[in-house]
Amino acid sequence: MNWWHLLHDYIKKNYENGRYNQNYNFSHSPTAATQNCSTKTQSSDYNLGCQQAYTDYQNHHKFHLYPQTLISWLNRLFQGRLNEIAAFIKGYNDTRALILQKNS
């Protein structure tokens, strides 16, 4: 479970350092991925995942692989204590799928 702590610490560190509080202004027309993020009202964690996926693609043209199924299972096991991480990963993976679909 050491990787689990590393993932949690990575997300928490970036969140607390204000990395996700930046004003993301994109100079070109919005894609389906960014439009999807702005219409989601589930939580801000979902939107943070969307923004992070879009930023990763813009900066590096590659994505991180987060285990959404495992996190969802663990979230149910721990009675919702992982909601924030699950929402972030869901937003990230949903946006990744939209970007890949658009570019294929």
C-alpha atoms as a PDB file:
ATOM      1  CA  MET A   1       0.000   0.000   0.000  1.00  0.00           C
ATOM      2  CA  ASN A   2       3.029   2.276  -0.164  1.00  0.00           C
ATOM      3  CA  TRP A   3       1.996   3.483  -3.654  1.00  0.00           C
ATOM      4  CA  TRP A   4      -1.360   4.511  -2.188  1.00  0.00           C
ATOM      5  CA  HIS A   5       0.333   6.836   0.296  1.00  0.00           C
ATOM      6  CA  LEU A   6       2.539   8.214  -2.460  1.00  0.00           C
ATOM      7  CA  LEU A   7      -0.486   9.014  -4.633  1.00  0.00           C
ATOM      8  CA  HIS A   8      -2.320  10.657  -1.748  1.00  0.00           C
ATOM      9  CA  ASP A   9       0.729  12.674  -0.713  1.00  0.00           C
ATOM     10  CA  TYR A  10       1.368  13.777  -4.316  1.00  0.00           C
ATOM     11  CA  ILE A  11      -2.168  15.074  -4.797  1.00  0.00           C
ATOM     12  CA  LYS A  12      -2.323  16.658  -1.343  1.00  0.00           C
ATOM     13  CA  LYS A  13       1.069  18.370  -1.737  1.00  0.00           C
ATOM     14  CA  ASN A  14       0.139  19.882  -5.098  1.00  0.00           C
ATOM     15  CA  TYR A  15      -3.272  20.952  -3.836  1.00  0.00           C
ATOM     16  CA  GLU A  16      -1.885  22.600  -0.702  1.00  0.00           C
ATOM     17  CA  ASN A  17       0.838  24.367  -2.686  1.00  0.00           C
ATOM     18  CA  GLY A  18      -1.818  25.999  -4.846  1.00  0.00           C
ATOM     19  CA  ARG A  19      -0.969  24.156  -8.034  1.00  0.00           C
ATOM     20  CA  TYR A  20      -4.637  23.511  -8.747  1.00  0.00           C
ATOM     21  CA  ASN A  21      -5.721  27.040  -7.805  1.00  0.00           C
ATOM     22  CA  GLN A  22      -4.172  28.618 -10.871  1.00  0.00           C
ATOM     23  CA  ASN A  23      -6.327  30.525 -13.325  1.00  0.00           C
ATOM     24  CA  TYR A  24      -6.306  28.262 -16.370  1.00  0.00           C
ATOM     25  CA  ASN A  25      -6.773  30.530 -19.372  1.00  0.00           C
ATOM     26  CA  PHE A  26      -6.325  28.773 -22.663  1.00  0.00           C
ATOM     27  CA  SER A  27      -5.540  30.917 -25.683  1.00  0.00           C
ATOM     28  CA  HIS A  28      -7.350  28.720 -28.196  1.00  0.00           C
ATOM     29  CA  SER A  29     -10.961  27.657 -28.489  1.00  0.00           C
ATOM     30  CA  PRO A  30     -12.122  25.229 -25.797  1.00  0.00           C
ATOM     31  CA  THR A  31     -12.220  21.551 -26.623  1.00  0.00           C
ATOM     32  CA  ALA A  32     -14.878  19.072 -25.695  1.00  0.00           C
ATOM     33  CA  ALA A  33     -12.806  18.118 -22.676  1.00  0.00           C
ATOM     34  CA  THR A  34     -12.762  21.598 -21.161  1.00  0.00           C
ATOM     35  CA  GLN A  35     -16.436  22.125 -21.970  1.00  0.00           C
ATOM     36  CA  ASN A  36     -17.256  18.870 -20.194  1.00  0.00           C
ATOM     37  CA  CYS A  37     -15.321  20.000 -17.112  1.00  0.00           C
ATOM     38  CA  SER A  38     -17.140  23.292 -16.875  1.00  0.00           C
ATOM     39  CA  THR A  39     -20.572  21.638 -17.043  1.00  0.00           C
ATOM     40  CA  LYS A  40     -19.873  19.012 -14.356  1.00  0.00           C
ATOM     41  CA  THR A  41     -21.291  19.943 -10.979  1.00  0.00           C
ATOM     42  CA  GLN A  42     -20.269  16.857  -9.013  1.00  0.00           C
ATOM     43  CA  SER A  43     -17.465  18.510  -7.085  1.00  0.00           C
ATOM     44  CA  SER A  44     -14.439  20.691  -7.443  1.00  0.00           C
ATOM     45  CA  ASP A  45     -12.238  17.594  -7.144  1.00  0.00           C
ATOM     46  CA  TYR A  46     -13.678  16.323 -10.434  1.00  0.00           C
ATOM     47  CA  ASN A  47     -12.870  19.664 -12.068  1.00  0.00           C
ATOM     48  CA  LEU A  48      -9.357  19.568 -10.651  1.00  0.00           C
ATOM     49  CA  GLY A  49      -8.865  16.191 -12.305  1.00  0.00           C
ATOM     50  CA  CYS A  50     -10.169  17.570 -15.605  1.00  0.00           C
ATOM     51  CA  GLN A  51      -7.832  20.548 -15.466  1.00  0.00           C
ATOM     52  CA  GLN A  52      -4.856  18.399 -14.525  1.00  0.00           C
ATOM     53  CA  ALA A  53      -5.437  16.002 -17.424  1.00  0.00           C
ATOM     54  CA  TYR A  54      -5.750  18.879 -19.857  1.00  0.00           C
ATOM     55  CA  THR A  55      -2.597  20.520 -18.469  1.00  0.00           C
ATOM     56  CA  ASP A  56      -0.635  17.261 -18.637  1.00  0.00           C
ATOM     57  CA  TYR A  57      -1.615  16.822 -22.264  1.00  0.00           C
ATOM     58  CA  GLN A  58      -0.788  20.417 -23.191  1.00  0.00           C
ATOM     59  CA  ASN A  59       2.597  20.324 -21.455  1.00  0.00           C
ATOM     60  CA  HIS A  60       3.803  16.783 -22.097  1.00  0.00           C
ATOM     61  CA  HIS A  61       1.412  15.127 -24.596  1.00  0.00           C
ATOM     62  CA  LYS A  62       1.067  12.178 -22.240  1.00  0.00           C
ATOM     63  CA  PHE A  63      -1.062  11.231 -19.259  1.00  0.00           C
ATOM     64  CA  HIS A  64      -0.639   9.641 -15.847  1.00  0.00           C
ATOM     65  CA  LEU A  65      -2.335   6.318 -15.289  1.00  0.00           C
ATOM     66  CA  TYR A  66      -4.496   6.336 -12.174  1.00  0.00           C
ATOM     67  CA  PRO A  67      -6.255   3.126 -11.051  1.00  0.00           C
ATOM     68  CA  GLN A  68      -9.867   4.333 -11.062  1.00  0.00           C
ATOM     69  CA  THR A  69     -11.418   0.902 -10.535  1.00  0.00           C
ATOM     70  CA  LEU A  70      -9.187   0.108  -7.572  1.00  0.00           C
ATOM     71  CA  ILE A  71      -9.808   3.507  -5.972  1.00  0.00           C
ATOM     72  CA  SER A  72     -13.575   3.128  -6.426  1.00  0.00           C
ATOM     73  CA  TRP A  73     -13.445  -0.277  -4.788  1.00  0.00           C
ATOM     74  CA  LEU A  74     -11.323   1.005  -1.898  1.00  0.00           C
ATOM     75  CA  ASN A  75     -13.649   3.994  -1.515  1.00  0.00           C
ATOM     76  CA  ARG A  76     -16.596   1.641  -1.023  1.00  0.00           C
ATOM     77  CA  LEU A  77     -14.554  -0.505   1.332  1.00  0.00           C
ATOM     78  CA  PHE A  78     -13.599   2.499   3.479  1.00  0.00           C
ATOM     79  CA  GLN A  79     -17.139   3.924   3.398  1.00  0.00           C
ATOM     80  CA  GLY A  80     -16.484   7.002   1.275  1.00  0.00           C
ATOM     81  CA  ARG A  81     -13.304   8.214   2.924  1.00  0.00           C
ATOM     82  CA  LEU A  82     -11.598   8.391  -0.465  1.00  0.00           C
ATOM     83  CA  ASN A  83     -14.273  10.483  -2.189  1.00  0.00           C
ATOM     84  CA  GLU A  84     -11.934  13.357  -3.018  1.00  0.00           C
ATOM     85  CA  ILE A  85      -9.299  11.155  -4.618  1.00  0.00           C
ATOM     86  CA  ALA A  86     -11.932   9.104  -6.448  1.00  0.00           C
ATOM     87  CA  ALA A  87     -13.532  12.256  -7.878  1.00  0.00           C
ATOM     88  CA  PHE A  88     -10.152  13.653  -8.957  1.00  0.00           C
ATOM     89  CA  ILE A  89      -9.197  10.414 -10.705  1.00  0.00           C
ATOM     90  CA  LYS A  90     -12.617  10.127 -12.366  1.00  0.00           C
ATOM     91  CA  GLY A  91     -12.302  13.669 -13.732  1.00  0.00           C
ATOM     92  CA  TYR A  92      -8.772  12.999 -14.918  1.00  0.00           C
ATOM     93  CA  ASN A  93      -9.651   9.715 -16.620  1.00  0.00           C
ATOM     94  CA  ASP A  94     -12.845  11.088 -18.197  1.00  0.00           C
ATOM     95  CA  THR A  95     -10.971  14.048 -19.661  1.00  0.00           C
ATOM     96  CA  ARG A  96      -8.132  11.799 -20.829  1.00  0.00           C
ATOM     97  CA  ALA A  97     -10.654   9.635 -22.695  1.00  0.00           C
ATOM     98  CA  LEU A  98     -12.261  12.689 -24.323  1.00  0.00           C
ATOM     99  CA  ILE A  99      -8.933  14.124 -25.441  1.00  0.00           C
ATOM    100  CA  LEU A 100      -7.788  10.788 -26.847  1.00  0.00           C
ATOM    101  CA  GLN A 101     -11.117  10.313 -28.619  1.00  0.00           C
ATOM    102  CA  LYS A 102     -10.897  13.795 -30.135  1.00  0.00           C
ATOM    103  CA  ASN A 103      -7.331  13.247 -31.334  1.00  0.00           C
ATOM    104  CA  SER A 104      -7.899   9.809 -32.847  1.00  0.00           C
END
